[in-house]
């Protein structure tokens, strides 16, 4: 059995609003620990890259405009 990472990256909107949440599914992790480690590394990279994009658009770092969110879960694949 292997582990599958399900990861979402989206922008937070006003309370009560849900914006598109496109999941990304990455299979093939040998353990839950390697899956979680990969998820943390990917999340950090996504947020860092998103910060660069915000900077290029002139959005202040402490602005609450389009705050990014990364969520993930690791599941055991029962093939």
Protein backbone atom coordinates (compact mmCIF):
# COMPACT_ATOMS: atom_id res chain seq x y z
CA UNK A 1 0.00 0.00 0.00
CA UNK A 2 1.19 3.48 -0.79
CA UNK A 3 0.14 6.92 0.37
CA UNK A 4 -1.60 9.56 -1.72
CA UNK A 5 -1.26 13.31 -1.16
CA UNK A 6 -4.28 15.51 -1.88
CA UNK A 7 -3.30 19.18 -1.92
CA UNK A 8 -5.36 22.31 -2.55
CA UNK A 9 -4.20 25.87 -3.16
CA UNK A 10 -6.75 28.65 -3.29
CA UNK A 11 -7.35 32.28 -2.38
CA UNK A 12 -9.46 33.08 0.64
CA UNK A 13 -12.44 35.30 -0.08
CA UNK A 14 -14.97 37.05 2.11
CA UNK A 15 -16.62 34.92 4.79
CA UNK A 16 -19.32 32.74 3.29
CA UNK A 17 -17.68 32.67 -0.14
CA UNK A 18 -15.79 29.68 -1.52
CA UNK A 19 -13.54 30.21 -4.50
CA UNK A 20 -12.41 27.46 -6.84
CA UNK A 21 -10.56 24.78 -4.97
CA UNK A 22 -8.76 22.65 -7.52
CA UNK A 23 -7.25 19.59 -5.86
CA UNK A 24 -3.92 18.16 -6.93
CA UNK A 25 -3.42 14.45 -6.33
CA UNK A 26 0.07 13.00 -6.00
CA UNK A 27 0.32 9.22 -5.46
CA UNK A 28 3.27 7.01 -4.68
CA UNK A 29 4.53 7.88 -1.19
CA UNK A 30 5.93 4.94 0.77
CA UNK A 31 4.98 6.25 4.21
CA UNK A 32 2.68 8.82 5.78
CA UNK A 33 5.77 10.67 7.02
CA UNK A 34 7.21 11.09 3.50
CA UNK A 35 3.80 12.19 2.25
CA UNK A 36 3.46 14.82 5.00
CA UNK A 37 7.03 16.01 4.47
CA UNK A 38 6.39 16.47 0.76
CA UNK A 39 3.13 18.31 1.51
CA UNK A 40 4.90 20.74 3.84
CA UNK A 41 7.67 21.39 1.32
CA UNK A 42 5.19 21.95 -1.51
CA UNK A 43 3.02 24.23 0.66
CA UNK A 44 6.03 26.35 1.64
CA UNK A 45 7.08 26.65 -2.02
CA UNK A 46 3.57 27.60 -3.15
CA UNK A 47 3.27 30.31 -0.51
CA UNK A 48 6.74 31.66 -1.29
CA UNK A 49 5.94 31.80 -5.02
CA UNK A 50 2.57 33.38 -4.32
CA UNK A 51 4.35 36.03 -2.24
CA UNK A 52 6.57 36.84 -5.21
CA UNK A 53 3.52 37.15 -7.47
CA UNK A 54 1.84 39.50 -4.97
CA UNK A 55 5.00 41.59 -4.82
CA UNK A 56 5.14 41.87 -8.62
CA UNK A 57 1.52 43.08 -8.58
CA UNK A 58 2.30 45.73 -5.95
CA UNK A 59 0.27 44.09 -3.18
CA UNK A 60 1.73 44.79 0.26
CA UNK A 61 2.89 41.78 2.27
CA UNK A 62 0.62 42.64 5.20
CA UNK A 63 -2.42 43.18 2.97
CA UNK A 64 -5.39 40.86 3.44
CA UNK A 65 -6.19 41.10 -0.28
CA UNK A 66 -6.50 37.59 -1.74
CA UNK A 67 -4.85 35.69 1.09
CA UNK A 68 -3.59 32.29 -0.11
CA UNK A 69 -4.42 29.02 1.62
CA UNK A 70 -2.84 25.59 1.21
CA UNK A 71 -4.52 22.51 2.66
CA UNK A 72 -3.51 18.88 2.39
CA UNK A 73 -4.26 15.38 3.57
CA UNK A 74 -2.41 12.11 3.12
CA UNK A 75 -4.50 8.98 2.52
CA UNK A 76 -3.50 5.37 2.42
CA UNK A 77 -4.27 3.91 -0.99
CA UNK A 78 -6.09 0.56 -0.68
CA UNK A 79 -5.68 -0.82 -4.19
